[in-house]
Structure formats: C-alpha cells, structure tokens
Amino acid sequence: MIFGIICSAVAGAFISVQAAVNAKMNTNLGAWATTVLVFIVGLVGSIIPLVLFGGNIAGLRDLSPIYWLGGLLGVGVVYCVMRSIQILGPTLSVSLILVSQLIWALVVDLYGAFGMPQITLSAGQIGGLTILLVGVILFKQSQTAAIAKQAVNEATS
C-alpha cells in the first residue's frame, strides 16, 4: 500500500510539472508538435525499461481492441492539460483536472468498467466530492482576490 501511495504522489508531481513544461513548449512549437514530441520522447523512455526489465509484448494480440484506446486517450490528456494550463493557469487547471479525475474514477468504480471491481456509492463519497468541489471554488476565489489585491498594490506604488 505504501508503494501505491508513493507512486500516486510521484504521478501527481510528474503530471503537474509535465503540464507546465508542455504548456511552455507549446508556445514555441504549437500544440500538436508538442504533443508529438512528448509521445516520441515517452516512447523512447518506455522502450528502455521494457528492454531492461522485460514485458509481455506477445500479449498484445490477446488484448481487447478497447484497451488500445489508452494511447489515444493519452494524446487527449497531453493536449487538454497543456491547453487548460495555458488558458486557466497551473493551479486552477490542475484543481479542475483532479476533480474530473476523481469523478470519472468513481464512475469506473461504480460500474466496474474495464474489469475493475464494482463498488456502491456511499454518502461519504458524495460528501468528499462536494468538499473537493467547494475547495476548488474557494481556492479560485481566493486566488482571484489575491491577484486583484496585487494589481491594486502595484498600481498604487
């Protein structure tokens, strides 16, 4: 369980940093060129551990075609995260992404989609989502107020 928690924390850090880097690359390369570059570098970065640690590439022929969509979803993730950060800024964008991820993960759990164990919806889950949504709203309002205050301070100095 500890390893899962560590991997989750590292993934969160990687997603946030990657998104900011990709958004900056996008200003020089454009959205689709950046997305292609990210996946080319990712392919090379994936082949190296595959060669070193092995994997079951032969299992691809037994894989349901629906799971091949994972790569296409990854393209959508990179593109949408990069664009949302450019439009909304890193903190609001990542906050909304986290809320969306949690909602969609809950849908997957509720329906047992993609072979995942099915769970039932609880009041605690609804409460947790509500608190998370309220937190994002409060965060954004606080951020907007801080930006306005900073603009006023800069204008008067």
N, C-alpha and C. Protein backbone atom coordinates (compact mmCIF):
# COMPACT_ATOMS: atom_id res chain seq x y z
N MET A 1 0.81 -1.20 0.00
CA MET A 1 0.00 0.00 0.00
C MET A 1 0.85 1.26 0.00
N ILE A 2 1.94 1.26 0.77
CA ILE A 2 2.83 2.42 0.82
C ILE A 2 3.38 2.71 -0.57
N PHE A 3 3.76 1.67 -1.30
CA PHE A 3 4.30 1.88 -2.64
C PHE A 3 3.24 2.53 -3.54
N GLY A 4 1.99 2.14 -3.41
CA GLY A 4 0.91 2.75 -4.18
C GLY A 4 0.74 4.23 -3.85
N ILE A 5 0.86 4.56 -2.58
CA ILE A 5 0.75 5.95 -2.15
C ILE A 5 1.91 6.77 -2.71
N ILE A 6 3.10 6.21 -2.64
CA ILE A 6 4.28 6.90 -3.18
C ILE A 6 4.13 7.10 -4.69
N CYS A 7 3.71 6.05 -5.39
CA CYS A 7 3.52 6.17 -6.84
C CYS A 7 2.47 7.23 -7.18
N SER A 8 1.40 7.30 -6.40
CA SER A 8 0.36 8.30 -6.63
C SER A 8 0.92 9.71 -6.43
N ALA A 9 1.69 9.91 -5.37
CA ALA A 9 2.27 11.22 -5.10
C ALA A 9 3.26 11.61 -6.20
N VAL A 10 4.07 10.67 -6.63
CA VAL A 10 5.03 10.94 -7.71
C VAL A 10 4.29 11.25 -9.01
N ALA A 11 3.23 10.49 -9.29
CA ALA A 11 2.45 10.75 -10.51
C ALA A 11 1.85 12.15 -10.47
N GLY A 12 1.34 12.56 -9.33
CA GLY A 12 0.79 13.91 -9.21
C GLY A 12 1.85 14.97 -9.48
N ALA A 13 3.03 14.77 -8.94
CA ALA A 13 4.13 15.71 -9.19
C ALA A 13 4.51 15.71 -10.66
N PHE A 14 4.65 14.52 -11.24
CA PHE A 14 5.02 14.43 -12.65
C PHE A 14 3.99 15.10 -13.54
N ILE A 15 2.70 14.87 -13.27
CA ILE A 15 1.65 15.45 -14.10
C ILE A 15 1.70 16.97 -14.03
N SER A 16 1.85 17.52 -12.84
CA SER A 16 1.88 18.98 -12.69
C SER A 16 3.09 19.60 -13.38
N VAL A 17 4.25 19.01 -13.17
CA VAL A 17 5.47 19.55 -13.78
C VAL A 17 5.43 19.35 -15.30
N GLN A 18 5.02 18.16 -15.75
CA GLN A 18 4.94 17.90 -17.18
C GLN A 18 3.99 18.87 -17.86
N ALA A 19 2.86 19.12 -17.22
CA ALA A 19 1.87 20.02 -17.81
C ALA A 19 2.43 21.43 -17.98
N ALA A 20 3.14 21.91 -16.98
CA ALA A 20 3.73 23.25 -17.08
C ALA A 20 4.81 23.30 -18.16
N VAL A 21 5.65 22.27 -18.21
CA VAL A 21 6.70 22.20 -19.24
C VAL A 21 6.07 22.13 -20.63
N ASN A 22 5.05 21.29 -20.78
CA ASN A 22 4.39 21.15 -22.08
C ASN A 22 3.73 22.45 -22.52
N ALA A 23 3.11 23.16 -21.56
CA ALA A 23 2.47 24.43 -21.89
C ALA A 23 3.50 25.44 -22.39
N LYS A 24 4.68 25.43 -21.79
CA LYS A 24 5.74 26.34 -22.23
C LYS A 24 6.27 25.92 -23.60
N MET A 25 6.44 24.61 -23.81
CA MET A 25 6.89 24.12 -25.12
C MET A 25 5.90 24.51 -26.21
N ASN A 26 4.62 24.47 -25.86
CA ASN A 26 3.57 24.78 -26.82
C ASN A 26 3.71 26.18 -27.39
N THR A 27 4.21 27.12 -26.59
CA THR A 27 4.37 28.49 -27.08
C THR A 27 5.42 28.56 -28.20
N ASN A 28 6.38 27.64 -28.19
CA ASN A 28 7.41 27.63 -29.23
C ASN A 28 7.09 26.68 -30.38
N LEU A 29 6.45 25.56 -30.08
CA LEU A 29 6.26 24.51 -31.09
C LEU A 29 4.84 24.42 -31.62
N GLY A 30 3.87 24.85 -30.84
CA GLY A 30 2.47 24.61 -31.17
C GLY A 30 1.98 23.36 -30.46
N ALA A 31 0.66 23.27 -30.31
CA ALA A 31 0.06 22.21 -29.50
C ALA A 31 0.34 20.82 -30.06
N TRP A 32 0.13 20.62 -31.34
CA TRP A 32 0.27 19.26 -31.87
C TRP A 32 1.72 18.83 -32.00
N ALA A 33 2.62 19.75 -32.34
CA ALA A 33 4.04 19.40 -32.40
C ALA A 33 4.55 19.03 -31.01
N THR A 34 4.10 19.77 -29.99
CA THR A 34 4.47 19.46 -28.61
C THR A 34 3.95 18.09 -28.22
N THR A 35 2.70 17.80 -28.56
CA THR A 35 2.11 16.50 -28.22
C THR A 35 2.89 15.37 -28.88
N VAL A 36 3.25 15.53 -30.14
CA VAL A 36 4.03 14.51 -30.85
C VAL A 36 5.39 14.32 -30.18
N LEU A 37 6.05 15.43 -29.86
CA LEU A 37 7.37 15.34 -29.22
C LEU A 37 7.27 14.63 -27.87
N VAL A 38 6.25 14.96 -27.09
CA VAL A 38 6.06 14.32 -25.79
C VAL A 38 5.93 12.81 -25.96
N PHE A 39 5.17 12.37 -26.95
CA PHE A 39 4.97 10.94 -27.12
C PHE A 39 6.17 10.24 -27.74
N ILE A 40 6.94 10.92 -28.59
CA ILE A 40 8.17 10.32 -29.12
C ILE A 40 9.17 10.10 -27.99
N VAL A 41 9.36 11.14 -27.17
CA VAL A 41 10.28 11.02 -26.04
C VAL A 41 9.75 9.96 -25.07
N GLY A 42 8.43 9.94 -24.86
CA GLY A 42 7.83 8.93 -23.99
C GLY A 42 8.01 7.52 -24.52
N LEU A 43 7.92 7.36 -25.84
CA LEU A 43 8.15 6.04 -26.44
C LEU A 43 9.57 5.56 -26.17
N VAL A 44 10.52 6.43 -26.41
CA VAL A 44 11.92 6.07 -26.13
C VAL A 44 12.10 5.77 -24.65
N GLY A 45 11.51 6.62 -23.81
CA GLY A 45 11.61 6.41 -22.37
C GLY A 45 10.92 5.14 -21.90
N SER A 46 9.97 4.63 -22.68
CA SER A 46 9.29 3.38 -22.33
C SER A 46 10.02 2.15 -22.86
N ILE A 47 10.65 2.31 -24.00
CA ILE A 47 11.36 1.17 -24.61
C ILE A 47 12.55 0.76 -23.75
N ILE A 48 13.24 1.72 -23.18
CA ILE A 48 14.44 1.41 -22.38
C ILE A 48 14.10 0.50 -21.21
N PRO A 49 13.12 0.82 -20.34
CA PRO A 49 12.81 -0.12 -19.26
C PRO A 49 12.18 -1.42 -19.76
N LEU A 50 11.49 -1.37 -20.89
CA LEU A 50 10.93 -2.60 -21.47
C LEU A 50 12.06 -3.56 -21.81
N VAL A 51 13.11 -3.04 -22.43
CA VAL A 51 14.26 -3.88 -22.79
C VAL A 51 14.98 -4.35 -21.53
N LEU A 52 15.15 -3.46 -20.57
CA LEU A 52 15.90 -3.81 -19.36
C LEU A 52 15.14 -4.76 -18.43
N PHE A 53 13.83 -4.54 -18.29
CA PHE A 53 13.06 -5.28 -17.30
C PHE A 53 12.07 -6.28 -17.90
N GLY A 54 11.89 -6.21 -19.20
CA GLY A 54 11.01 -7.16 -19.88
C GLY A 54 9.56 -6.75 -19.83
N GLY A 55 8.76 -7.49 -20.58
CA GLY A 55 7.34 -7.23 -20.69
C GLY A 55 6.74 -8.27 -21.62
N ASN A 56 5.45 -8.31 -21.66
CA ASN A 56 4.77 -9.32 -22.47
C ASN A 56 4.20 -8.70 -23.74
N ILE A 57 5.07 -8.33 -24.67
CA ILE A 57 4.63 -7.73 -25.92
C ILE A 57 3.78 -8.72 -26.71
N ALA A 58 4.05 -10.01 -26.60
CA ALA A 58 3.27 -11.02 -27.32
C ALA A 58 1.80 -11.00 -26.88
N GLY A 59 1.54 -10.54 -25.68
CA GLY A 59 0.18 -10.47 -25.16
C GLY A 59 -0.70 -9.45 -25.88
N LEU A 60 -0.09 -8.62 -26.72
CA LEU A 60 -0.87 -7.61 -27.45
C LEU A 60 -1.95 -8.24 -28.33
N ARG A 61 -1.64 -9.38 -28.92
CA ARG A 61 -2.61 -9.99 -29.84
C ARG A 61 -3.83 -10.53 -29.09
N ASP A 62 -3.71 -10.74 -27.79
CA ASP A 62 -4.84 -11.23 -27.00
C ASP A 62 -5.61 -10.09 -26.32
N LEU A 63 -5.14 -8.87 -26.51
CA LEU A 63 -5.73 -7.72 -25.84
C LEU A 63 -6.97 -7.24 -26.59
N SER A 64 -8.03 -6.95 -25.86
CA SER A 64 -9.25 -6.41 -26.46
C SER A 64 -8.94 -5.07 -27.12
N PRO A 65 -9.49 -4.83 -28.30
CA PRO A 65 -9.23 -3.56 -29.01
C PRO A 65 -9.59 -2.31 -28.21
N ILE A 66 -10.52 -2.41 -27.28
CA ILE A 66 -10.91 -1.24 -26.48
C ILE A 66 -9.72 -0.69 -25.70
N TYR A 67 -8.81 -1.55 -25.29
CA TYR A 67 -7.67 -1.12 -24.49
C TYR A 67 -6.61 -0.39 -25.31
N TRP A 68 -6.69 -0.52 -26.62
CA TRP A 68 -5.78 0.22 -27.49
C TRP A 68 -6.11 1.71 -27.45
N LEU A 69 -7.30 2.05 -27.00
CA LEU A 69 -7.69 3.45 -26.90
C LEU A 69 -6.88 4.20 -25.84
N GLY A 70 -6.21 3.47 -24.97
CA GLY A 70 -5.40 4.12 -23.94
C GLY A 70 -4.40 5.09 -24.51
N GLY A 71 -3.77 4.72 -25.62
CA GLY A 71 -2.80 5.61 -26.26
C GLY A 71 -3.46 6.87 -26.79
N LEU A 72 -4.64 6.71 -27.39
CA LEU A 72 -5.36 7.88 -27.90
C LEU A 72 -5.84 8.77 -26.76
N LEU A 73 -6.27 8.14 -25.68
CA LEU A 73 -6.65 8.93 -24.51
C LEU A 73 -5.45 9.71 -23.98
N GLY A 74 -4.27 9.11 -24.03
CA GLY A 74 -3.06 9.79 -23.60
C GLY A 74 -2.78 11.04 -24.43
N VAL A 75 -3.03 10.95 -25.74
CA VAL A 75 -2.87 12.12 -26.60
C VAL A 75 -3.83 13.22 -26.15
N GLY A 76 -5.06 12.83 -25.88
CA GLY A 76 -6.04 13.80 -25.41
C GLY A 76 -5.65 14.42 -24.08
N VAL A 77 -5.11 13.60 -23.20
CA VAL A 77 -4.66 14.10 -21.89
C VAL A 77 -3.59 15.16 -22.07
N VAL A 78 -2.55 14.83 -22.83
CA VAL A 78 -1.44 15.78 -23.00
C VAL A 78 -1.94 17.08 -23.62
N TYR A 79 -2.73 16.97 -24.68
CA TYR A 79 -3.22 18.16 -25.36
C TYR A 79 -4.12 18.99 -24.43
N CYS A 80 -5.10 18.36 -23.81
CA CYS A 80 -6.06 19.10 -22.98
C CYS A 80 -5.42 19.70 -21.74
N VAL A 81 -4.53 18.99 -21.10
CA VAL A 81 -3.85 19.54 -19.92
C VAL A 81 -3.00 20.74 -20.32
N MET A 82 -2.28 20.61 -21.41
CA MET A 82 -1.42 21.69 -21.88
C MET A 82 -2.24 22.94 -22.20
N ARG A 83 -3.33 22.78 -22.91
CA ARG A 83 -4.17 23.91 -23.29
C ARG A 83 -4.87 24.51 -22.06
N SER A 84 -5.35 23.66 -21.15
CA SER A 84 -6.04 24.20 -19.98
C SER A 84 -5.10 25.01 -19.11
N ILE A 85 -3.85 24.59 -19.00
CA ILE A 85 -2.88 25.34 -18.21
C ILE A 85 -2.59 26.69 -18.86
N GLN A 86 -2.52 26.71 -20.18
CA GLN A 86 -2.30 27.99 -20.86
C GLN A 86 -3.47 28.95 -20.64
N ILE A 87 -4.68 28.41 -20.62
CA ILE A 87 -5.87 29.25 -20.50
C ILE A 87 -6.19 29.61 -19.06
N LEU A 88 -6.12 28.64 -18.16
CA LEU A 88 -6.56 28.83 -16.77
C LEU A 88 -5.43 29.04 -15.78
N GLY A 89 -4.21 28.68 -16.17
CA GLY A 89 -3.08 28.71 -15.23
C GLY A 89 -2.94 27.35 -14.56
N PRO A 90 -1.76 27.07 -14.02
CA PRO A 90 -1.49 25.74 -13.48
C PRO A 90 -2.39 25.34 -12.30
N THR A 91 -2.59 26.22 -11.33
CA THR A 91 -3.29 25.78 -10.12
C THR A 91 -4.76 25.50 -10.36
N LEU A 92 -5.46 26.38 -11.05
CA LEU A 92 -6.87 26.13 -11.31
C LEU A 92 -7.04 24.94 -12.24
N SER A 93 -6.20 24.87 -13.26
CA SER A 93 -6.29 23.77 -14.21
C SER A 93 -6.10 22.42 -13.51
N VAL A 94 -5.05 22.30 -12.72
CA VAL A 94 -4.78 21.04 -12.02
C VAL A 94 -5.90 20.73 -11.03
N SER A 95 -6.44 21.75 -10.37
CA SER A 95 -7.55 21.53 -9.44
C SER A 95 -8.75 20.94 -10.16
N LEU A 96 -9.10 21.51 -11.29
CA LEU A 96 -10.24 21.01 -12.06
C LEU A 96 -9.97 19.62 -12.63
N ILE A 97 -8.74 19.39 -13.05
CA ILE A 97 -8.35 18.07 -13.56
C ILE A 97 -8.51 17.02 -12.46
N LEU A 98 -8.07 17.35 -11.24
CA LEU A 98 -8.19 16.41 -10.13
C LEU A 98 -9.65 16.09 -9.82
N VAL A 99 -10.51 17.10 -9.83
CA VAL A 99 -11.93 16.88 -9.58
C VAL A 99 -12.50 15.97 -10.67
N SER A 100 -12.18 16.29 -11.91
CA SER A 100 -12.67 15.48 -13.03
C SER A 100 -12.17 14.04 -12.94
N GLN A 101 -10.89 13.88 -12.61
CA GLN A 101 -10.33 12.53 -12.47
C GLN A 101 -11.07 11.74 -11.40
N LEU A 102 -11.33 12.39 -10.28
CA LEU A 102 -12.00 11.69 -9.19
C LEU A 102 -13.41 11.30 -9.58
N ILE A 103 -14.12 12.19 -10.24
CA ILE A 103 -15.49 11.88 -10.67
C ILE A 103 -15.48 10.71 -11.65
N TRP A 104 -14.61 10.75 -12.65
CA TRP A 104 -14.57 9.68 -13.65
C TRP A 104 -14.07 8.37 -13.05
N ALA A 105 -13.13 8.45 -12.12
CA ALA A 105 -12.67 7.22 -11.45
C ALA A 105 -13.81 6.61 -10.65
N LEU A 106 -14.62 7.45 -10.02
CA LEU A 106 -15.77 6.96 -9.28
C LEU A 106 -16.77 6.28 -10.22
N VAL A 107 -16.99 6.86 -11.39
CA VAL A 107 -17.89 6.25 -12.38
C VAL A 107 -17.36 4.87 -12.79
N VAL A 108 -16.05 4.78 -13.03
CA VAL A 108 -15.44 3.48 -13.38
C VAL A 108 -15.67 2.48 -12.25
N ASP A 109 -15.45 2.92 -11.01
CA ASP A 109 -15.65 2.04 -9.86
C ASP A 109 -17.12 1.63 -9.71
N LEU A 110 -18.03 2.57 -9.87
CA LEU A 110 -19.45 2.27 -9.68
C LEU A 110 -19.96 1.25 -10.68
N TYR A 111 -19.46 1.32 -11.91
CA TYR A 111 -19.93 0.40 -12.95
C TYR A 111 -19.00 -0.79 -13.14
N GLY A 112 -17.87 -0.82 -12.45
CA GLY A 112 -16.92 -1.90 -12.63
C GLY A 112 -16.38 -1.93 -14.05
N ALA A 113 -16.24 -0.76 -14.65
CA ALA A 113 -15.79 -0.66 -16.04
C ALA A 113 -14.36 -1.17 -16.19
N PHE A 114 -14.08 -1.70 -17.36
CA PHE A 114 -12.74 -2.17 -17.73
C PHE A 114 -12.23 -3.26 -16.80
N GLY A 115 -13.15 -4.04 -16.26
CA GLY A 115 -12.77 -5.16 -15.41
C GLY A 115 -12.40 -4.78 -13.99
N MET A 116 -12.65 -3.54 -13.60
CA MET A 116 -12.36 -3.12 -12.24
C MET A 116 -13.44 -3.64 -11.29
N PRO A 117 -13.10 -3.84 -10.02
CA PRO A 117 -14.12 -4.27 -9.07
C PRO A 117 -15.21 -3.21 -8.94
N GLN A 118 -16.45 -3.63 -8.92
CA GLN A 118 -17.57 -2.70 -8.81
C GLN A 118 -17.82 -2.36 -7.35
N ILE A 119 -18.07 -1.09 -7.07
CA ILE A 119 -18.38 -0.64 -5.72
C ILE A 119 -19.75 0.03 -5.73
N THR A 120 -20.29 0.28 -4.55
CA THR A 120 -21.55 1.02 -4.45
C THR A 120 -21.25 2.43 -3.95
N LEU A 121 -22.07 3.36 -4.37
CA LEU A 121 -21.89 4.76 -3.99
C LEU A 121 -22.29 4.95 -2.53
N SER A 122 -21.47 5.71 -1.82
CA SER A 122 -21.76 5.96 -0.41
C SER A 122 -21.92 7.46 -0.16
N ALA A 123 -22.54 7.78 0.94
CA ALA A 123 -22.70 9.18 1.33
C ALA A 123 -21.34 9.84 1.54
N GLY A 124 -20.39 9.08 2.05
CA GLY A 124 -19.04 9.61 2.26
C GLY A 124 -18.38 10.04 0.96
N GLN A 125 -18.60 9.26 -0.09
CA GLN A 125 -18.02 9.62 -1.39
C GLN A 125 -18.65 10.88 -1.94
N ILE A 126 -19.97 10.98 -1.81
CA ILE A 126 -20.67 12.18 -2.27
C ILE A 126 -20.21 13.39 -1.45
N GLY A 127 -20.08 13.21 -0.14
CA GLY A 127 -19.59 14.28 0.72
C GLY A 127 -18.17 14.70 0.37
N GLY A 128 -17.33 13.72 0.11
CA GLY A 128 -15.96 14.02 -0.26
C GLY A 128 -15.87 14.80 -1.57
N LEU A 129 -16.65 14.39 -2.55
CA LEU A 129 -16.67 15.13 -3.82
C LEU A 129 -17.18 16.55 -3.62
N THR A 130 -18.20 16.69 -2.80
CA THR A 130 -18.76 18.02 -2.53
C THR A 130 -17.72 18.91 -1.87
N ILE A 131 -17.03 18.37 -0.88
CA ILE A 131 -15.98 19.14 -0.20
C ILE A 131 -14.87 19.53 -1.18
N LEU A 132 -14.50 18.61 -2.04
CA LEU A 132 -13.46 18.89 -3.03
C LEU A 132 -13.90 20.01 -3.97
N LEU A 133 -15.14 19.94 -4.45
CA LEU A 133 -15.66 20.98 -5.34
C LEU A 133 -15.71 22.33 -4.64
N VAL A 134 -16.18 22.36 -3.41
CA VAL A 134 -16.21 23.61 -2.64
C VAL A 134 -14.79 24.13 -2.45
N GLY A 135 -13.86 23.24 -2.19
CA GLY A 135 -12.46 23.64 -2.04
C GLY A 135 -11.90 24.29 -3.30
N VAL A 136 -12.22 23.75 -4.45
CA VAL A 136 -11.74 24.33 -5.70
C VAL A 136 -12.35 25.73 -5.89
N ILE A 137 -13.63 25.87 -5.58
CA ILE A 137 -14.29 27.18 -5.71
C ILE A 137 -13.65 28.19 -4.76
N LEU A 138 -13.44 27.79 -3.51
CA LEU A 138 -12.80 28.69 -2.54
C LEU A 138 -11.38 29.04 -2.96
N PHE A 139 -10.66 28.04 -3.48
CA PHE A 139 -9.29 28.25 -3.93
C PHE A 139 -9.27 29.29 -5.05
N LYS A 140 -10.16 29.14 -6.02
CA LYS A 140 -10.20 30.07 -7.15
C LYS A 140 -10.59 31.46 -6.69
N GLN A 141 -11.59 31.58 -5.80
CA GLN A 141 -11.99 32.89 -5.31
C GLN A 141 -10.85 33.57 -4.55
N SER A 142 -10.14 32.80 -3.75
CA SER A 142 -9.01 33.33 -3.00
C SER A 142 -7.89 33.78 -3.95
N GLN A 143 -7.65 32.98 -4.96
CA GLN A 143 -6.61 33.31 -5.95
C GLN A 143 -6.99 34.59 -6.69
N THR A 144 -8.24 34.72 -7.09
CA THR A 144 -8.70 35.91 -7.81
C THR A 144 -8.57 37.15 -6.92
N ALA A 145 -8.93 37.02 -5.66
CA ALA A 145 -8.81 38.14 -4.72
C ALA A 145 -7.35 38.54 -4.53
N ALA A 146 -6.47 37.56 -4.42
CA ALA A 146 -5.05 37.85 -4.24
C ALA A 146 -4.47 38.55 -5.46
N ILE A 147 -4.88 38.14 -6.65
CA ILE A 147 -4.40 38.76 -7.89
C ILE A 147 -4.90 40.20 -7.97
N ALA A 148 -6.17 40.41 -7.63
CA ALA A 148 -6.73 41.77 -7.65
C ALA A 148 -6.02 42.66 -6.64
N LYS A 149 -5.75 42.15 -5.45
CA LYS A 149 -5.05 42.92 -4.42
C LYS A 149 -3.64 43.28 -4.88
N GLN A 150 -2.97 42.33 -5.52
CA GLN A 150 -1.62 42.58 -6.02
C GLN A 150 -1.65 43.65 -7.10
N ALA A 151 -2.65 43.60 -7.98
CA ALA A 151 -2.76 44.61 -9.04
C ALA A 151 -2.98 46.01 -8.46
N VAL A 152 -3.80 46.09 -7.41
CA VAL A 152 -4.06 47.36 -6.74
C VAL A 152 -2.76 47.87 -6.10
N ASN A 153 -2.04 47.00 -5.43
CA ASN A 153 -0.78 47.38 -4.78
C ASN A 153 0.24 47.87 -5.79
N GLU A 154 0.31 47.20 -6.93
CA GLU A 154 1.27 47.60 -7.96
C GLU A 154 0.86 48.93 -8.60
N ALA A 155 -0.44 49.17 -8.74
CA ALA A 155 -0.93 50.38 -9.34
C ALA A 155 -0.69 51.60 -8.42
N THR A 156 -0.74 51.39 -7.11
CA THR A 156 -0.59 52.49 -6.16
C THR A 156 0.88 52.74 -5.79
N SER A 157 1.76 51.83 -6.15
CA SER A 157 3.16 52.04 -5.76
C SER A 157 3.98 52.61 -6.87
